[in-house]
C-alpha cells in the first residue's frame, strides 16, 4: 500500500553531505534542517577534554556522556561549519527539530538528562531554545522553554517536527520497554500548551533505533548499527515507513546507500521540502577510528520524467590551480535511469598534464562513497586519444594518463556517465 505523499524508500539515492567534520570529533547522533536557509544542524555528544564556562578543568568524554552534554553544529549546504553551541545536561541527541521563527532559529531537543544502566545520559523531557552560536546552555536555564514530559516516568524522550502538518512529534518509552510516538500542534506546543492528538506504538523487532521523521501521514524509522566484525558490509541499516492513521507498516527497506564509507553507522533522519518536493534525508557517522565525520544521503520525492529522475541538477565543478575551462566549464549532475544512480559530467578542461592530476573538486552532492570512473577523449599524441577521469571518495576529480612524453593538453568530460554509489 502506498499513500499520497509517501516517499519511495526503495528508490534511487542521492546525497546532501559527504564525510564532513563537525565541531566535535564524536559521532553525529541526529540532524535537522532550517526550512528557510537550508542550513543543517547536527547533534553529537560533547567530546572529552574540553573546559567550558564554570568548569575548573577538562572534562572526560565518559563524564560528558554520563551527564548528557551535547554539541550542536551548524553547517551550510556546502558542508562548512558556520556556528555551534554546547548543551549541558540535555541528553544523547537522538533526534532534533528545527524551526525558523521570522529568521530566528529555534531548536527542539531532549533535555533533563538522566543516566541509564550504561552510565549514558538520555533526556526525560523536550524543550526548545534559540540557536546562539558560541554559547553554552545548561539544563534549567531560563533561555530554554519549560521542559515537557509526555508521561510519568517517561525515558528516552525526543522530538522532531512534521512540516506537512505543522506538528511536533515526541517519542518516549514508559514502563521500561513500551515506546510510543505522540503528535502535538506545533504552534500550541511552542506556546507551552501540549495536547496529544494521537499516540502510536512503535513496532518491536526493528533493530537498534537511530532516529525518526514524519511527513504527510507517514512516520519513518531508521535502524541499524555501524560496520563491525559482527556486522560487516553491507551492514544492517533499515528504514521502515509506518502509516500514522493505522500504525500499519507501509514499507520496510534494507538500505545499501553509501557502501564505501568507513564505520557507516546510521544516525539521524529528517524530511526537507524544497520547492514543493519532499526529500527524506538519512545520516551516517563515518571514519574509523575517527575523528568522526557525517554523511547524509537522500531519497527524493521528485517524479521521473521520461524514465529519468534528477537527484541533483547541474552544478559547476570548481577547477584546480593550473586547470582552465575549455569552451564550456565542467559541471556535474546526479540522475537515476531505470533505478540506477548515475554521475554525469559535461564541459571540458585545458592544461598541461604530464602526470596524474587533480583537475577539480566535486560538490558534496556529487561525491561518491566508492570511486567511479570513465574514459574521456583527450588530445591525440602518438595514437593515444583517451584518458581516464575519476570521481574519488575524497571529493576530488582526477585525470589519469598524462606523462612527460605524452602530455595531456585538453580533455572532454561530456561522455562521462558512470554508476555512482
Protein backbone atom coordinates (compact mmCIF):
# COMPACT_ATOMS: atom_id res chain seq x y z
CA UNK A 1 0.00 0.00 0.00
CA UNK A 2 1.24 3.50 -0.87
CA UNK A 3 -0.10 6.77 0.50
CA UNK A 4 -0.22 10.08 -1.35
CA UNK A 5 2.92 11.95 -0.34
CA UNK A 6 4.77 8.81 0.76
CA UNK A 7 8.47 8.98 -0.15
CA UNK A 8 9.81 5.95 -2.01
CA UNK A 9 12.44 4.37 0.28
CA UNK A 10 13.24 1.74 -2.36
CA UNK A 11 14.15 4.39 -4.92
CA UNK A 12 17.48 5.82 -6.07
CA UNK A 13 19.68 7.55 -3.51
CA UNK A 14 21.28 10.99 -3.73
CA UNK A 15 23.40 12.90 -1.24
CA UNK A 16 23.39 16.09 0.81
CA UNK A 17 26.70 15.98 2.75
CA UNK A 18 29.79 13.84 2.23
CA UNK A 19 32.21 12.99 5.04
CA UNK A 20 32.03 16.39 6.69
CA UNK A 21 33.71 17.04 10.06
CA UNK A 22 31.64 18.59 12.86
CA UNK A 23 32.60 20.93 15.69
CA UNK A 24 33.43 17.95 17.94
CA UNK A 25 35.11 14.70 16.91
CA UNK A 26 32.37 12.41 18.22
CA UNK A 27 29.64 10.54 16.32
CA UNK A 28 26.77 12.56 14.87
CA UNK A 29 23.59 11.42 16.64
CA UNK A 30 20.94 13.31 14.66
CA UNK A 31 20.36 16.31 12.44
CA UNK A 32 17.68 18.75 11.32
CA UNK A 33 17.38 21.36 8.56
CA UNK A 34 16.34 25.01 8.68
CA UNK A 35 13.32 25.22 6.33
CA UNK A 36 14.31 28.74 5.19
CA UNK A 37 18.10 28.74 4.68
CA UNK A 38 18.55 25.01 4.25
CA UNK A 39 21.35 25.03 6.82
CA UNK A 40 21.97 21.71 8.57
CA UNK A 41 22.10 21.40 12.36
CA UNK A 42 23.64 18.30 13.95
CA UNK A 43 23.68 16.92 17.49
CA UNK A 44 26.54 14.90 18.94
CA UNK A 45 27.85 14.03 22.38
CA UNK A 46 30.44 16.51 23.59
CA UNK A 47 34.00 15.31 23.12
CA UNK A 48 36.29 14.78 26.07
CA UNK A 49 38.98 17.22 27.14
CA UNK A 50 37.02 20.47 26.86
CA UNK A 51 36.84 23.09 29.59
CA UNK A 52 33.71 25.23 29.34
CA UNK A 53 32.42 28.13 31.41
CA UNK A 54 32.04 27.26 35.08
CA UNK A 55 34.32 24.20 34.83
CA UNK A 56 37.59 24.03 36.70
CA UNK A 57 39.35 21.86 34.17
CA UNK A 58 38.96 19.47 31.23
CA UNK A 59 36.01 17.05 31.48
CA UNK A 60 36.32 13.49 30.16
CA UNK A 61 34.13 12.02 27.45
CA UNK A 62 32.70 9.48 29.91
CA UNK A 63 31.56 12.30 32.20
CA UNK A 64 30.06 14.22 29.27
CA UNK A 65 28.18 11.09 28.23
CA UNK A 66 27.03 10.41 31.79
CA UNK A 67 25.58 13.90 32.22
CA UNK A 68 24.09 14.26 28.73
CA UNK A 69 26.36 17.05 27.47
CA UNK A 70 25.98 17.71 23.75
CA UNK A 71 27.34 19.82 20.92
CA UNK A 72 25.24 21.47 18.20
CA UNK A 73 26.99 22.17 14.87
CA UNK A 74 25.58 24.40 12.15
CA UNK A 75 26.71 23.74 8.57
CA UNK A 76 25.81 25.42 5.30
CA UNK A 77 24.81 23.47 2.19
CA UNK A 78 28.45 23.24 1.14
CA UNK A 79 29.29 21.45 4.38
CA UNK A 80 31.23 24.30 6.01
CA UNK A 81 30.78 24.85 9.76
CA UNK A 82 29.16 28.24 10.39
CA UNK A 83 28.30 28.00 14.10
CA UNK A 84 27.98 25.81 17.19
CA UNK A 85 26.52 25.59 20.70
CA UNK A 86 27.15 23.45 23.75
CA UNK A 87 24.30 21.95 25.79
CA UNK A 88 24.92 20.61 29.30
CA UNK A 89 22.56 18.17 30.98
CA UNK A 90 20.33 17.65 27.93
CA UNK A 91 20.77 14.04 26.79
CA UNK A 92 22.10 11.86 23.99
CA UNK A 93 20.91 13.79 20.92
CA UNK A 94 18.80 11.03 19.37
CA UNK A 95 16.51 13.42 17.44
CA UNK A 96 16.24 17.11 16.61
CA UNK A 97 13.63 19.56 15.37
CA UNK A 98 14.46 22.90 13.70
CA UNK A 99 12.09 25.88 13.49
CA UNK A 100 12.60 29.22 11.78
CA UNK A 101 10.55 31.89 13.54
CA UNK A 102 10.81 35.00 11.37
CA UNK A 103 14.53 34.50 10.91
CA UNK A 104 15.25 33.23 14.43
CA UNK A 105 16.39 29.60 14.57
CA UNK A 106 14.67 27.66 17.35
CA UNK A 107 15.88 24.13 18.13
CA UNK A 108 13.82 21.37 19.75
CA UNK A 109 15.82 18.76 21.67
CA UNK A 110 15.57 16.34 24.54
CA UNK A 111 16.55 17.65 27.97
CA UNK A 112 16.54 16.83 31.73
CA UNK A 113 19.06 14.04 31.16
CA UNK A 114 19.25 11.02 33.46
CA UNK A 115 21.73 8.18 33.23
CA UNK A 116 20.78 4.68 32.15
CA UNK A 117 22.31 1.36 33.23
CA UNK A 118 25.29 2.01 30.93
CA UNK A 119 26.02 5.40 32.51
CA UNK A 120 24.79 7.21 29.41
CA UNK A 121 22.60 10.30 29.75
CA UNK A 122 19.26 10.42 27.91
CA UNK A 123 16.52 13.03 28.00
CA UNK A 124 13.31 12.72 30.02
CA UNK A 125 11.60 15.79 28.53
CA UNK A 126 11.63 18.03 25.45
CA UNK A 127 12.40 21.74 25.23
CA UNK A 128 13.19 24.41 22.66
CA UNK A 129 15.59 27.35 22.58
CA UNK A 130 17.17 29.92 20.28
CA UNK A 131 20.31 28.86 18.47
CA UNK A 132 23.02 31.23 19.74
CA UNK A 133 26.37 30.38 18.23
CA UNK A 134 29.33 30.09 20.56
CA UNK A 135 27.27 29.84 23.75
CA UNK A 136 26.84 27.21 26.47
CA UNK A 137 23.28 26.39 27.53
CA UNK A 138 22.60 24.50 30.75
CA UNK A 139 19.52 22.47 31.63
CA UNK A 140 17.40 24.61 33.91
CA UNK A 141 18.39 27.88 32.26
CA UNK A 142 15.71 30.50 31.58
CA UNK A 143 16.96 30.57 27.98
CA UNK A 144 15.18 27.32 27.13
CA UNK A 145 11.43 26.71 27.34
CA UNK A 146 9.80 24.88 30.23
CA UNK A 147 10.57 21.17 29.71
CA UNK A 148 7.64 18.95 28.78
CA UNK A 149 7.37 15.29 29.79
CA UNK A 150 4.73 13.31 27.85
CA UNK A 151 4.07 10.71 30.58
CA UNK A 152 5.04 9.98 34.17
CA UNK A 153 8.33 8.15 34.26
CA UNK A 154 9.00 8.69 30.55
CA UNK A 155 12.54 7.98 29.36
CA UNK A 156 14.39 8.43 26.06
CA UNK A 157 12.18 11.42 25.22
CA UNK A 158 13.00 13.07 21.87
CA UNK A 159 11.31 15.48 19.38
CA UNK A 160 11.02 16.12 15.65
CA UNK A 161 8.87 18.42 13.50
CA UNK A 162 6.41 17.40 10.78
CA UNK A 163 6.27 20.38 8.42
CA UNK A 164 3.45 18.93 6.32
CA UNK A 165 1.06 19.22 9.28
CA UNK A 166 2.90 21.80 11.44
CA UNK A 167 3.12 19.27 14.25
CA UNK A 168 5.64 18.39 16.93
CA UNK A 169 6.26 14.65 17.22
CA UNK A 170 7.55 13.27 20.52
CA UNK A 171 8.92 9.77 21.07
CA UNK A 172 9.25 8.27 24.56
CA UNK A 173 9.47 5.00 26.46
CA UNK A 174 7.45 4.08 29.56
CA UNK A 175 7.36 1.01 31.81
CA UNK A 176 10.82 0.05 30.66
CA UNK A 177 10.01 -1.23 27.18
CA UNK A 178 6.86 0.37 25.74
CA UNK A 179 7.79 3.01 23.18
CA UNK A 180 5.32 5.47 21.69
CA UNK A 181 5.10 8.45 19.35
CA UNK A 182 2.72 11.33 20.03
CA UNK A 183 1.58 14.18 17.78
CA UNK A 184 1.07 17.77 19.00
CA UNK A 185 0.10 21.01 17.31
CA UNK A 186 3.45 22.79 16.92
CA UNK A 187 2.14 26.32 17.39
CA UNK A 188 0.44 25.36 20.64
CA UNK A 189 3.48 23.40 21.84
CA UNK A 190 5.72 26.39 21.15
CA UNK A 191 3.37 28.39 23.39
CA UNK A 192 3.70 25.77 26.13
CA UNK A 193 0.36 24.00 25.52
CA UNK A 194 0.81 20.26 24.92
CA UNK A 195 -2.37 18.42 23.97
CA UNK A 196 -1.72 14.99 22.41
CA UNK A 197 -3.52 14.47 19.11
CA UNK A 198 -2.58 10.79 18.78
CA UNK A 199 -0.44 8.12 20.40
CA UNK A 200 1.13 5.44 18.19
CA UNK A 201 3.07 2.43 19.45
CA UNK A 202 6.45 1.69 17.93
CA UNK A 203 6.71 -1.80 16.39
CA UNK A 204 9.18 -4.15 18.05
CA UNK A 205 11.99 -6.11 16.45
CA UNK A 206 13.20 -3.42 14.07
CA UNK A 207 16.81 -3.31 15.30
CA UNK A 208 18.88 -0.63 17.02
CA UNK A 209 16.91 2.61 16.91
CA UNK A 210 18.69 5.55 15.28
CA UNK A 211 16.06 8.21 14.59
CA UNK A 212 12.65 9.10 13.13
CA UNK A 213 10.94 11.60 10.83
CA UNK A 214 7.32 12.36 9.93
CA UNK A 215 5.73 13.68 6.75
CA UNK A 216 2.35 13.58 5.04
CA UNK A 217 0.79 10.86 7.19
CA UNK A 218 3.88 8.63 7.24
CA UNK A 219 6.33 8.01 10.09
CA UNK A 220 9.83 6.93 9.01
CA UNK A 221 12.07 4.96 11.39
CA UNK A 222 15.83 4.45 10.97
CA UNK A 223 17.50 1.40 12.50
CA UNK A 224 20.91 -0.23 12.29
CA UNK A 225 24.46 -0.35 13.57
CA UNK A 226 27.98 0.53 12.46
CA UNK A 227 30.09 -1.80 10.37
CA UNK A 228 31.95 -4.26 12.60
CA UNK A 229 33.28 -7.82 12.64
CA UNK A 230 29.77 -8.99 13.52
CA UNK A 231 28.07 -6.55 11.14
CA UNK A 232 30.24 -6.41 8.02
CA UNK A 233 29.30 -4.60 4.81
CA UNK A 234 26.62 -4.15 3.54
CA UNK A 235 25.55 -3.72 7.20
CA UNK A 236 22.10 -3.89 8.78
CA UNK A 237 20.59 -0.44 8.14
CA UNK A 238 16.83 -0.36 7.54
CA UNK A 239 14.21 2.33 7.06
CA UNK A 240 10.60 1.49 7.95
CA UNK A 241 7.58 3.53 6.86
CA UNK A 242 4.52 3.42 9.14
CA UNK A 243 1.07 4.83 8.45
CA UNK A 244 0.07 7.25 11.21
CA UNK A 245 -3.65 6.54 10.75
CA UNK A 246 -3.39 2.79 11.36
CA UNK A 247 0.12 2.00 12.60
CA UNK A 248 0.50 -0.41 9.67
CA UNK A 249 3.90 -0.95 8.08
CA UNK A 250 3.70 0.57 4.59
CA UNK A 251 7.23 -0.34 3.56
CA UNK A 252 10.49 -1.59 5.05
CA UNK A 253 13.71 -1.45 3.06
CA UNK A 254 17.27 -2.63 3.57
CA UNK A 255 19.49 0.41 2.95
CA UNK A 256 22.70 -0.15 0.99
CA UNK A 257 23.40 3.54 0.29
CA UNK A 258 26.98 4.84 0.64
CA UNK A 259 28.55 1.35 0.89
CA UNK A 260 32.15 2.59 0.78
CA UNK A 261 32.03 4.62 3.99
CA UNK A 262 34.24 3.62 6.91
CA UNK A 263 32.34 2.87 10.13
CA UNK A 264 28.98 3.75 8.44
CA UNK A 265 26.73 3.95 11.48
CA UNK A 266 23.18 5.12 10.66
CA UNK A 267 22.48 8.27 12.67
CA UNK A 268 19.53 10.61 12.19
CA UNK A 269 16.73 11.08 9.68
CA UNK A 270 14.58 14.05 8.65
CA UNK A 271 12.33 15.33 5.87
CA UNK A 272 13.07 18.52 3.96
CA UNK A 273 10.72 20.11 1.42
CA UNK A 274 12.37 22.10 -1.39
CA UNK A 275 10.16 23.86 -3.95
CA UNK A 276 7.33 21.51 -3.05
CA UNK A 277 9.44 18.34 -3.41
CA UNK A 278 9.98 16.27 -0.23
CA UNK A 279 13.38 14.71 0.47
CA UNK A 280 13.94 12.03 3.09
CA UNK A 281 17.48 12.60 4.36
CA UNK A 282 19.22 9.95 6.48
CA UNK A 283 22.66 10.18 8.02
CA UNK A 284 25.72 8.06 8.67
CA UNK A 285 28.56 8.65 11.11
CA UNK A 286 31.81 7.88 9.30
CA UNK A 287 35.54 7.25 9.70
CA UNK A 288 37.27 4.57 11.70
CA UNK A 289 38.94 5.26 14.09
CA UNK A 290 37.98 8.90 13.83
CA UNK A 291 37.64 11.82 14.18
CA UNK A 292 34.12 11.01 13.04
CA UNK A 293 32.53 12.77 10.10
CA UNK A 294 28.95 12.88 8.87
CA UNK A 295 27.46 11.83 5.56
CA UNK A 296 23.83 12.49 4.69
CA UNK A 297 22.11 10.55 1.91
CA UNK A 298 18.67 11.27 0.45
CA UNK A 299 15.58 9.79 -1.14
CA UNK A 300 13.88 12.26 -3.46
CA UNK A 301 10.12 12.61 -3.83
CA UNK A 302 10.57 14.20 -7.28
CA UNK A 303 8.77 12.40 -10.13
CA UNK A 304 10.52 10.68 -13.00
CA UNK A 305 10.37 12.43 -16.37
CA UNK A 306 10.71 10.12 -19.38
CA UNK A 307 12.25 7.47 -17.14
CA UNK A 308 14.82 9.83 -15.62
CA UNK A 309 14.79 11.20 -12.07
CA UNK A 310 17.09 14.15 -11.38
CA UNK A 311 18.61 13.69 -7.91
CA UNK A 312 20.94 16.68 -8.07
CA UNK A 313 20.82 19.09 -11.01
CA UNK A 314 23.80 20.52 -12.92
CA UNK A 315 26.39 22.13 -10.65
CA UNK A 316 29.66 23.83 -11.52
CA UNK A 317 32.80 21.92 -10.53
CA UNK A 318 35.48 24.28 -9.14
CA UNK A 319 38.74 23.70 -11.00
CA UNK A 320 42.17 23.07 -9.51
CA UNK A 321 45.05 25.50 -9.84
CA UNK A 322 46.52 25.44 -13.35
CA UNK A 323 43.34 24.00 -14.88
CA UNK A 324 41.09 26.12 -17.09
CA UNK A 325 37.75 25.53 -18.76
CA UNK A 326 37.76 24.54 -22.43
CA UNK A 327 34.77 26.30 -24.03
CA UNK A 328 32.18 25.05 -21.51
CA UNK A 329 33.04 24.96 -17.79
CA UNK A 330 32.86 21.48 -16.24
CA UNK A 331 29.62 20.65 -14.47
CA UNK A 332 28.09 17.54 -12.94
CA UNK A 333 24.71 16.16 -12.03
CA UNK A 334 23.27 13.03 -10.42
CA UNK A 335 20.39 11.23 -12.09
CA UNK A 336 18.62 7.90 -11.88
CA UNK A 337 17.98 5.91 -15.05
CA UNK A 338 15.90 2.77 -14.60
CA UNK A 339 16.65 2.88 -10.89
CA UNK A 340 20.43 3.15 -11.29
CA UNK A 341 22.08 6.26 -9.84
CA UNK A 342 24.46 7.76 -12.39
CA UNK A 343 27.01 10.57 -12.25
CA UNK A 344 27.11 12.64 -15.45
CA UNK A 345 29.72 15.27 -16.27
CA UNK A 346 29.84 17.89 -19.01
CA UNK A 347 32.26 20.51 -20.32
CA UNK A 348 36.00 20.31 -20.83
CA UNK A 349 39.34 21.31 -19.33
CA UNK A 350 42.69 22.58 -20.61
CA UNK A 351 46.11 22.47 -19.02
CA UNK A 352 49.46 20.72 -19.19
CA UNK A 353 49.12 17.35 -17.51
CA UNK A 354 52.37 15.36 -17.56
CA UNK A 355 51.27 13.18 -14.64
CA UNK A 356 48.07 12.01 -12.98
CA UNK A 357 46.41 15.14 -11.61
CA UNK A 358 43.52 16.57 -9.63
CA UNK A 359 41.50 18.72 -12.03
CA UNK A 360 38.62 19.82 -9.77
CA UNK A 361 36.67 19.41 -6.56
CA UNK A 362 33.22 17.82 -6.55
CA UNK A 363 30.34 19.28 -4.53
CA UNK A 364 29.21 17.02 -1.67
CA UNK A 365 26.02 16.17 -3.56
CA UNK A 366 28.07 14.54 -6.34
CA UNK A 367 30.78 12.88 -4.22
CA UNK A 368 30.62 9.06 -4.22
CA UNK A 369 31.42 6.72 -1.34
CA UNK A 370 33.21 4.42 -3.81
CA UNK A 371 35.34 5.79 -6.65
CA UNK A 372 33.66 5.92 -10.05
CA UNK A 373 35.48 6.39 -13.35
CA UNK A 374 35.02 6.73 -17.09
CA UNK A 375 37.16 7.05 -20.24
CA UNK A 376 37.13 10.52 -21.80
CA UNK A 377 38.51 11.97 -25.07
CA UNK A 378 41.80 13.89 -24.95
CA UNK A 379 44.31 15.38 -27.42
CA UNK A 380 45.80 12.75 -29.73
CA UNK A 381 49.51 12.11 -29.18
CA UNK A 382 51.10 9.08 -30.81
CA UNK A 383 47.75 7.36 -31.16
CA UNK A 384 46.77 7.92 -27.52
CA UNK A 385 43.46 9.81 -27.54
CA UNK A 386 41.69 8.57 -24.41
CA UNK A 387 42.30 9.37 -20.74
CA UNK A 388 40.55 8.29 -17.55
CA UNK A 389 38.57 10.64 -15.36
CA UNK A 390 37.76 9.52 -11.83
CA UNK A 391 35.46 10.90 -9.14
CA UNK A 392 37.04 9.96 -5.81
CA UNK A 393 35.70 9.43 -2.32
CA UNK A 394 37.74 12.47 -1.22
CA UNK A 395 35.63 14.78 -3.46
CA UNK A 396 38.50 15.11 -5.93
CA UNK A 397 38.02 14.80 -9.70
CA UNK A 398 41.18 13.37 -11.23
CA UNK A 399 42.58 12.87 -14.71
CA UNK A 400 44.83 9.86 -15.35
CA UNK A 401 47.11 9.04 -18.29
CA UNK A 402 49.37 12.02 -18.83
CA UNK A 403 53.16 11.66 -18.62
CA UNK A 404 56.28 13.59 -19.60
CA UNK A 405 56.40 12.06 -23.10
CA UNK A 406 52.64 12.21 -23.67
CA UNK A 407 51.28 15.41 -22.16
CA UNK A 408 47.51 15.86 -22.00
CA UNK A 409 46.59 19.41 -23.02
CA UNK A 410 42.80 19.03 -23.07
CA UNK A 411 40.10 16.54 -22.13
CA UNK A 412 36.36 16.50 -22.74
CA UNK A 413 34.01 15.28 -19.99
CA UNK A 414 30.74 15.23 -21.93
CA UNK A 415 30.69 11.44 -22.29
CA UNK A 416 31.39 10.79 -18.58
CA UNK A 417 28.42 8.74 -17.37
CA UNK A 418 29.14 6.19 -14.67
CA UNK A 419 27.34 4.27 -11.92
CA UNK A 420 27.53 6.21 -8.63
CA UNK A 421 27.32 4.74 -5.13
